[in-house]
N, C-alpha and C. Protein backbone atom coordinates (compact mmCIF):
# COMPACT_ATOMS: atom_id res chain seq x y z
N UNK A 1 3.75 75.87 153.34
CA UNK A 1 2.90 76.93 153.85
C UNK A 1 1.86 77.26 152.77
N UNK A 2 0.63 77.42 153.15
CA UNK A 2 -0.40 77.75 152.16
C UNK A 2 -0.50 79.26 151.96
N UNK A 3 -1.27 79.67 150.96
CA UNK A 3 -1.38 81.09 150.61
C UNK A 3 -1.88 81.96 151.75
N UNK A 4 -2.82 81.46 152.54
CA UNK A 4 -3.34 82.24 153.67
C UNK A 4 -2.24 82.54 154.68
N UNK A 5 -1.38 81.56 154.93
CA UNK A 5 -0.27 81.78 155.88
C UNK A 5 0.75 82.75 155.31
N UNK A 6 1.05 82.64 154.00
CA UNK A 6 1.97 83.58 153.38
C UNK A 6 1.42 85.00 153.46
N UNK A 7 0.13 85.15 153.25
CA UNK A 7 -0.49 86.49 153.31
C UNK A 7 -0.38 87.10 154.71
N UNK A 8 -0.43 86.27 155.73
CA UNK A 8 -0.27 86.75 157.11
C UNK A 8 1.18 87.14 157.39
N UNK A 9 2.10 86.38 156.83
CA UNK A 9 3.52 86.54 157.13
C UNK A 9 4.19 87.67 156.35
N UNK A 10 3.73 87.91 155.12
CA UNK A 10 4.37 88.88 154.24
C UNK A 10 3.54 90.15 154.10
N UNK A 11 4.22 91.25 153.77
CA UNK A 11 3.48 92.47 153.44
C UNK A 11 2.75 92.24 152.11
N UNK A 12 1.84 93.12 151.77
CA UNK A 12 1.10 92.97 150.52
C UNK A 12 2.03 92.95 149.31
N UNK A 13 3.02 93.85 149.30
CA UNK A 13 3.96 93.91 148.18
C UNK A 13 4.86 92.66 148.17
N UNK A 14 5.33 92.24 149.33
CA UNK A 14 6.14 91.02 149.38
C UNK A 14 5.36 89.83 148.85
N UNK A 15 4.09 89.73 149.22
CA UNK A 15 3.27 88.62 148.75
C UNK A 15 3.14 88.67 147.22
N UNK A 16 2.85 89.85 146.68
CA UNK A 16 2.69 89.99 145.23
C UNK A 16 3.96 89.58 144.49
N UNK A 17 5.12 89.92 145.04
CA UNK A 17 6.37 89.61 144.35
C UNK A 17 6.82 88.18 144.64
N UNK A 18 6.92 87.82 145.90
CA UNK A 18 7.44 86.50 146.25
C UNK A 18 6.51 85.34 145.90
N UNK A 19 5.21 85.52 146.02
CA UNK A 19 4.27 84.42 145.79
C UNK A 19 3.56 84.49 144.44
N UNK A 20 3.43 85.72 143.87
CA UNK A 20 2.71 85.86 142.60
C UNK A 20 3.62 86.30 141.45
N UNK A 21 4.92 86.37 141.70
CA UNK A 21 5.94 86.68 140.68
C UNK A 21 5.75 88.05 140.04
N UNK A 22 5.29 89.01 140.81
CA UNK A 22 5.19 90.39 140.34
C UNK A 22 6.59 91.01 140.41
N UNK A 23 6.72 92.26 140.04
CA UNK A 23 8.00 92.97 140.06
C UNK A 23 7.81 94.35 140.66
N UNK A 24 8.74 94.75 141.53
CA UNK A 24 8.65 96.11 142.06
C UNK A 24 9.08 97.10 140.97
N UNK A 25 8.61 98.31 141.09
CA UNK A 25 8.96 99.33 140.12
C UNK A 25 10.47 99.58 140.15
N UNK A 26 11.08 99.80 138.97
CA UNK A 26 12.52 100.07 138.95
C UNK A 26 12.85 101.35 139.70
N UNK A 27 14.04 101.38 140.26
CA UNK A 27 14.61 102.53 140.97
C UNK A 27 13.92 102.82 142.30
N UNK A 28 13.06 101.92 142.79
CA UNK A 28 12.33 102.16 144.04
C UNK A 28 12.77 101.24 145.18
N UNK A 29 13.53 100.20 144.90
CA UNK A 29 13.88 99.21 145.91
C UNK A 29 14.81 99.73 146.99
N UNK A 30 14.55 99.30 148.19
CA UNK A 30 15.33 99.75 149.36
C UNK A 30 16.80 99.37 149.27
N UNK A 31 17.13 98.30 148.58
CA UNK A 31 18.53 97.84 148.54
C UNK A 31 19.27 98.24 147.27
N UNK A 32 18.64 99.00 146.40
CA UNK A 32 19.27 99.36 145.14
C UNK A 32 20.64 100.01 145.32
N UNK A 33 20.74 101.00 146.20
CA UNK A 33 21.99 101.74 146.36
C UNK A 33 22.76 101.39 147.63
N UNK A 34 22.29 100.41 148.38
CA UNK A 34 22.94 100.02 149.64
C UNK A 34 24.28 99.36 149.36
N UNK A 35 25.30 99.77 150.12
CA UNK A 35 26.65 99.21 149.96
C UNK A 35 27.14 98.55 151.24
N UNK A 36 26.24 98.28 152.16
CA UNK A 36 26.57 97.66 153.44
C UNK A 36 27.05 96.23 153.22
N UNK A 37 28.12 95.86 153.91
CA UNK A 37 28.62 94.48 153.84
C UNK A 37 27.67 93.55 154.56
N UNK A 38 27.48 92.37 154.00
CA UNK A 38 26.63 91.39 154.64
C UNK A 38 26.10 90.37 153.66
N UNK A 39 25.07 89.65 154.08
CA UNK A 39 24.45 88.63 153.25
C UNK A 39 22.97 88.96 153.10
N UNK A 40 22.50 88.91 151.86
CA UNK A 40 21.10 89.13 151.55
C UNK A 40 20.37 87.79 151.65
N UNK A 41 19.32 87.77 152.47
CA UNK A 41 18.52 86.57 152.71
C UNK A 41 17.17 86.72 152.05
N UNK A 42 16.49 85.60 151.83
CA UNK A 42 15.12 85.62 151.33
C UNK A 42 14.23 86.25 152.40
N UNK A 43 13.43 87.22 152.01
CA UNK A 43 12.54 87.90 152.96
C UNK A 43 11.42 86.99 153.45
N UNK A 44 11.13 85.92 152.72
CA UNK A 44 10.06 85.02 153.12
C UNK A 44 10.51 83.94 154.08
N UNK A 45 11.71 83.37 153.85
CA UNK A 45 12.11 82.20 154.64
C UNK A 45 13.49 82.30 155.27
N UNK A 46 14.20 83.40 155.05
CA UNK A 46 15.50 83.64 155.65
C UNK A 46 16.64 82.81 155.04
N UNK A 47 16.43 82.21 153.89
CA UNK A 47 17.48 81.46 153.20
C UNK A 47 18.56 82.44 152.74
N UNK A 48 19.84 82.23 153.11
CA UNK A 48 20.91 83.11 152.63
C UNK A 48 21.07 82.98 151.11
N UNK A 49 21.05 84.11 150.40
CA UNK A 49 21.04 84.07 148.94
C UNK A 49 22.27 84.68 148.28
N UNK A 50 22.59 85.93 148.62
CA UNK A 50 23.66 86.65 147.93
C UNK A 50 24.55 87.39 148.92
N UNK A 51 25.87 87.32 148.72
CA UNK A 51 26.81 88.09 149.52
C UNK A 51 26.94 89.49 148.91
N UNK A 52 27.07 90.48 149.76
CA UNK A 52 27.15 91.86 149.26
C UNK A 52 28.36 92.07 148.36
N UNK A 53 29.39 91.27 148.52
CA UNK A 53 30.59 91.38 147.67
C UNK A 53 30.35 91.02 146.22
N UNK A 54 29.20 90.40 145.93
CA UNK A 54 28.86 90.06 144.54
C UNK A 54 27.82 91.01 143.96
N UNK A 55 27.47 92.04 144.72
CA UNK A 55 26.49 93.03 144.26
C UNK A 55 27.21 94.05 143.39
N UNK A 56 26.55 94.50 142.33
CA UNK A 56 27.15 95.51 141.46
C UNK A 56 26.06 96.42 140.90
N UNK A 57 26.47 97.57 140.42
CA UNK A 57 25.53 98.54 139.85
C UNK A 57 25.30 98.21 138.38
N UNK A 58 24.17 97.59 138.10
CA UNK A 58 23.86 97.20 136.73
C UNK A 58 23.15 98.31 135.96
N UNK A 59 22.79 99.38 136.65
CA UNK A 59 22.08 100.52 136.05
C UNK A 59 20.75 100.10 135.44
N UNK A 60 20.13 99.07 136.02
CA UNK A 60 18.85 98.58 135.52
C UNK A 60 17.68 98.98 136.40
N UNK A 61 17.97 99.45 137.63
CA UNK A 61 16.90 99.84 138.54
C UNK A 61 16.59 98.83 139.61
N UNK A 62 17.29 97.70 139.60
CA UNK A 62 17.11 96.67 140.63
C UNK A 62 18.47 96.23 141.15
N UNK A 63 18.55 95.79 142.41
CA UNK A 63 19.82 95.25 142.92
C UNK A 63 20.25 94.08 142.05
N UNK A 64 21.54 94.03 141.74
CA UNK A 64 22.06 92.97 140.88
C UNK A 64 23.27 92.31 141.52
N UNK A 65 23.38 91.02 141.32
CA UNK A 65 24.47 90.21 141.88
C UNK A 65 25.02 89.32 140.77
N UNK A 66 26.32 88.99 140.83
CA UNK A 66 26.88 88.13 139.78
C UNK A 66 26.92 86.65 140.17
N UNK A 67 26.55 86.32 141.41
CA UNK A 67 26.39 84.90 141.78
C UNK A 67 25.73 84.80 143.15
N UNK A 68 25.03 83.67 143.39
CA UNK A 68 24.47 83.42 144.73
C UNK A 68 25.56 82.94 145.67
N UNK A 69 25.28 82.92 146.97
CA UNK A 69 26.28 82.45 147.94
C UNK A 69 26.65 81.00 147.71
N UNK A 70 25.69 80.19 147.29
CA UNK A 70 25.90 78.79 146.90
C UNK A 70 24.90 78.49 145.79
N UNK A 71 25.30 77.74 144.78
CA UNK A 71 24.39 77.46 143.66
C UNK A 71 23.07 76.83 144.10
N UNK A 72 23.10 76.04 145.16
CA UNK A 72 21.88 75.35 145.58
C UNK A 72 20.92 76.25 146.36
N UNK A 73 21.27 77.48 146.62
CA UNK A 73 20.39 78.41 147.36
C UNK A 73 19.29 78.98 146.48
N UNK A 74 19.50 78.97 145.17
CA UNK A 74 18.50 79.47 144.23
C UNK A 74 18.21 78.41 143.17
N UNK A 75 17.04 78.50 142.59
CA UNK A 75 16.71 77.66 141.45
C UNK A 75 16.27 78.57 140.31
N UNK A 76 16.42 78.10 139.11
CA UNK A 76 16.02 78.88 137.95
C UNK A 76 15.09 78.04 137.08
N UNK A 77 14.26 78.75 136.33
CA UNK A 77 13.38 78.08 135.38
C UNK A 77 13.00 79.07 134.29
N UNK A 78 12.67 78.56 133.11
CA UNK A 78 12.25 79.47 132.03
C UNK A 78 11.00 80.24 132.44
N UNK A 79 10.95 81.50 132.04
CA UNK A 79 9.80 82.36 132.33
C UNK A 79 9.31 82.96 131.02
N UNK A 80 8.33 82.33 130.38
CA UNK A 80 7.85 82.80 129.08
C UNK A 80 6.81 83.92 129.15
N UNK A 81 6.50 84.39 130.37
CA UNK A 81 5.49 85.45 130.49
C UNK A 81 5.88 86.69 129.72
N UNK A 82 4.88 87.43 129.29
CA UNK A 82 5.06 88.70 128.58
C UNK A 82 5.76 88.53 127.24
N UNK A 83 5.69 87.32 126.67
CA UNK A 83 6.31 87.04 125.37
C UNK A 83 7.79 87.39 125.34
N UNK A 84 8.47 87.16 126.45
CA UNK A 84 9.91 87.41 126.55
C UNK A 84 10.60 86.12 126.93
N UNK A 85 11.82 85.95 126.47
CA UNK A 85 12.62 84.81 126.90
C UNK A 85 13.47 85.25 128.09
N UNK A 86 13.05 84.82 129.27
CA UNK A 86 13.77 85.19 130.48
C UNK A 86 13.92 83.94 131.34
N UNK A 87 14.82 84.02 132.30
CA UNK A 87 15.01 82.94 133.26
C UNK A 87 14.67 83.47 134.64
N UNK A 88 13.66 82.90 135.24
CA UNK A 88 13.22 83.30 136.57
C UNK A 88 14.15 82.73 137.63
N UNK A 89 14.38 83.50 138.69
CA UNK A 89 15.18 83.06 139.84
C UNK A 89 14.25 82.95 141.03
N UNK A 90 14.31 81.79 141.71
CA UNK A 90 13.48 81.55 142.89
C UNK A 90 14.34 81.09 144.06
N UNK A 91 13.84 81.35 145.25
CA UNK A 91 14.48 80.83 146.46
C UNK A 91 14.32 79.31 146.45
N UNK A 92 15.41 78.60 146.63
CA UNK A 92 15.36 77.14 146.60
C UNK A 92 14.65 76.56 147.82
N UNK A 93 14.52 77.33 148.87
CA UNK A 93 13.89 76.82 150.09
C UNK A 93 12.37 76.98 150.08
N UNK A 94 11.87 78.15 149.65
CA UNK A 94 10.42 78.41 149.72
C UNK A 94 9.77 78.66 148.36
N UNK A 95 10.54 78.57 147.28
CA UNK A 95 10.05 78.83 145.93
C UNK A 95 9.57 80.26 145.73
N UNK A 96 10.03 81.18 146.54
CA UNK A 96 9.67 82.58 146.38
C UNK A 96 10.32 83.18 145.15
N UNK A 97 9.55 83.95 144.39
CA UNK A 97 10.08 84.64 143.21
C UNK A 97 11.02 85.75 143.67
N UNK A 98 12.25 85.74 143.16
CA UNK A 98 13.23 86.75 143.51
C UNK A 98 13.41 87.77 142.39
N UNK A 99 13.41 87.29 141.16
CA UNK A 99 13.64 88.15 140.00
C UNK A 99 14.02 87.29 138.82
N UNK A 100 15.03 87.74 138.05
CA UNK A 100 15.46 87.03 136.85
C UNK A 100 16.99 87.06 136.75
N UNK A 101 17.53 86.13 136.00
CA UNK A 101 18.97 86.11 135.76
C UNK A 101 19.21 86.25 134.26
N UNK A 102 20.22 87.07 133.93
CA UNK A 102 20.55 87.37 132.54
C UNK A 102 22.04 87.10 132.30
N UNK A 103 22.40 86.92 131.04
CA UNK A 103 23.79 86.62 130.67
C UNK A 103 24.56 87.88 130.27
N UNK A 104 24.31 88.98 130.94
CA UNK A 104 25.01 90.22 130.60
C UNK A 104 25.68 90.85 131.83
N UNK A 105 26.09 90.01 132.77
CA UNK A 105 26.73 90.50 133.99
C UNK A 105 28.24 90.54 133.87
N UNK A 106 28.90 90.98 134.93
CA UNK A 106 30.36 91.08 134.93
C UNK A 106 31.02 89.71 135.14
N UNK A 107 32.29 89.68 134.86
CA UNK A 107 33.08 88.48 135.15
C UNK A 107 33.31 88.42 136.65
N UNK A 108 33.47 87.28 137.25
CA UNK A 108 33.89 86.05 136.60
C UNK A 108 32.75 85.18 136.08
N UNK A 109 31.48 85.47 136.36
CA UNK A 109 30.41 84.58 135.93
C UNK A 109 29.72 85.03 134.65
N UNK A 110 29.72 86.33 134.39
CA UNK A 110 28.99 86.86 133.24
C UNK A 110 27.49 86.90 133.47
N UNK A 111 27.06 86.66 134.72
CA UNK A 111 25.64 86.62 135.04
C UNK A 111 25.21 87.88 135.79
N UNK A 112 23.92 88.21 135.62
CA UNK A 112 23.31 89.31 136.36
C UNK A 112 22.02 88.80 136.98
N UNK A 113 22.07 88.53 138.29
CA UNK A 113 20.87 88.16 139.03
C UNK A 113 20.19 89.47 139.40
N UNK A 114 19.12 89.79 138.71
CA UNK A 114 18.38 91.04 138.89
C UNK A 114 17.24 90.73 139.88
N UNK A 115 17.34 91.26 141.10
CA UNK A 115 16.49 90.82 142.20
C UNK A 115 15.66 91.98 142.77
N UNK A 116 14.43 91.69 143.11
CA UNK A 116 13.56 92.68 143.76
C UNK A 116 14.02 92.90 145.20
N UNK A 117 14.20 94.15 145.58
CA UNK A 117 14.61 94.47 146.95
C UNK A 117 13.65 93.90 147.98
N UNK A 118 12.35 93.97 147.70
CA UNK A 118 11.35 93.55 148.66
C UNK A 118 11.42 92.03 148.92
N UNK A 119 12.08 91.29 148.05
CA UNK A 119 12.25 89.85 148.24
C UNK A 119 13.46 89.53 149.11
N UNK A 120 14.19 90.56 149.52
CA UNK A 120 15.44 90.37 150.26
C UNK A 120 15.38 90.97 151.66
N UNK A 121 16.29 90.47 152.50
CA UNK A 121 16.55 91.05 153.81
C UNK A 121 18.07 91.00 153.99
N UNK A 122 18.70 92.13 154.28
CA UNK A 122 20.15 92.19 154.44
C UNK A 122 20.54 91.98 155.89
N UNK A 123 21.38 91.01 156.12
CA UNK A 123 22.01 90.79 157.43
C UNK A 123 23.41 91.37 157.36
N UNK A 124 23.64 92.53 157.95
CA UNK A 124 24.97 93.14 157.89
C UNK A 124 26.04 92.28 158.58
N UNK A 125 27.24 92.38 158.08
CA UNK A 125 28.39 91.71 158.70
C UNK A 125 29.62 92.54 158.38
N UNK A 126 30.76 92.15 158.91
CA UNK A 126 31.98 92.88 158.69
C UNK A 126 32.61 92.53 157.34
N UNK A 127 32.21 91.41 156.75
CA UNK A 127 32.86 90.90 155.56
C UNK A 127 31.87 90.81 154.40
N UNK A 128 32.15 91.52 153.32
CA UNK A 128 31.26 91.53 152.16
C UNK A 128 31.28 90.21 151.39
N UNK A 129 32.19 89.33 151.73
CA UNK A 129 32.27 88.03 151.02
C UNK A 129 31.74 86.89 151.88
N UNK A 130 31.08 87.22 152.98
CA UNK A 130 30.54 86.17 153.85
C UNK A 130 29.80 85.11 153.05
N UNK A 131 30.00 83.88 153.46
CA UNK A 131 29.31 82.74 152.84
C UNK A 131 28.79 81.86 153.95
N UNK A 132 27.48 81.96 154.21
CA UNK A 132 26.91 81.16 155.29
C UNK A 132 26.99 79.66 155.02
C-alpha cells in the first residue's frame, strides 16, 4: 500500500505513528489502563500482536507487554534516532511502527514491548491468553 492509501485508511495520528514512527504522548493512550481480556491487533492491518494476558503496568505511560502472541507477528530493528540505543518494534505484516522493546520487563521473558495505543485495536474475548 502506498502512502496516499495509508493516509486514507488511517487517522492523522495513526499515520504519524504507524507510518512515520512518531510516538503518542505518555499517559494519553486509550489502552494504557484497559484490563479487558482479548487480543491486541495492529490498527493498520489487523495482524494479531499481543494477548491481554501478557500486558502489565510498566508505569512508563504506554501499554506494555512481555511477549507477542507469536514471535513472527512482530519484527525488530535497531533505532538510532535521537542519539539513543533502542530497538524498534514493527508489525511483521505491514511494517507499521508499534513502539520499542526494552530488556527491563518481567519474567518469564524479561522484555517490555512498549507500544503506542493508537497502533493497536483490541478484540475482546473471554480468555486473556488467547493465541490466534
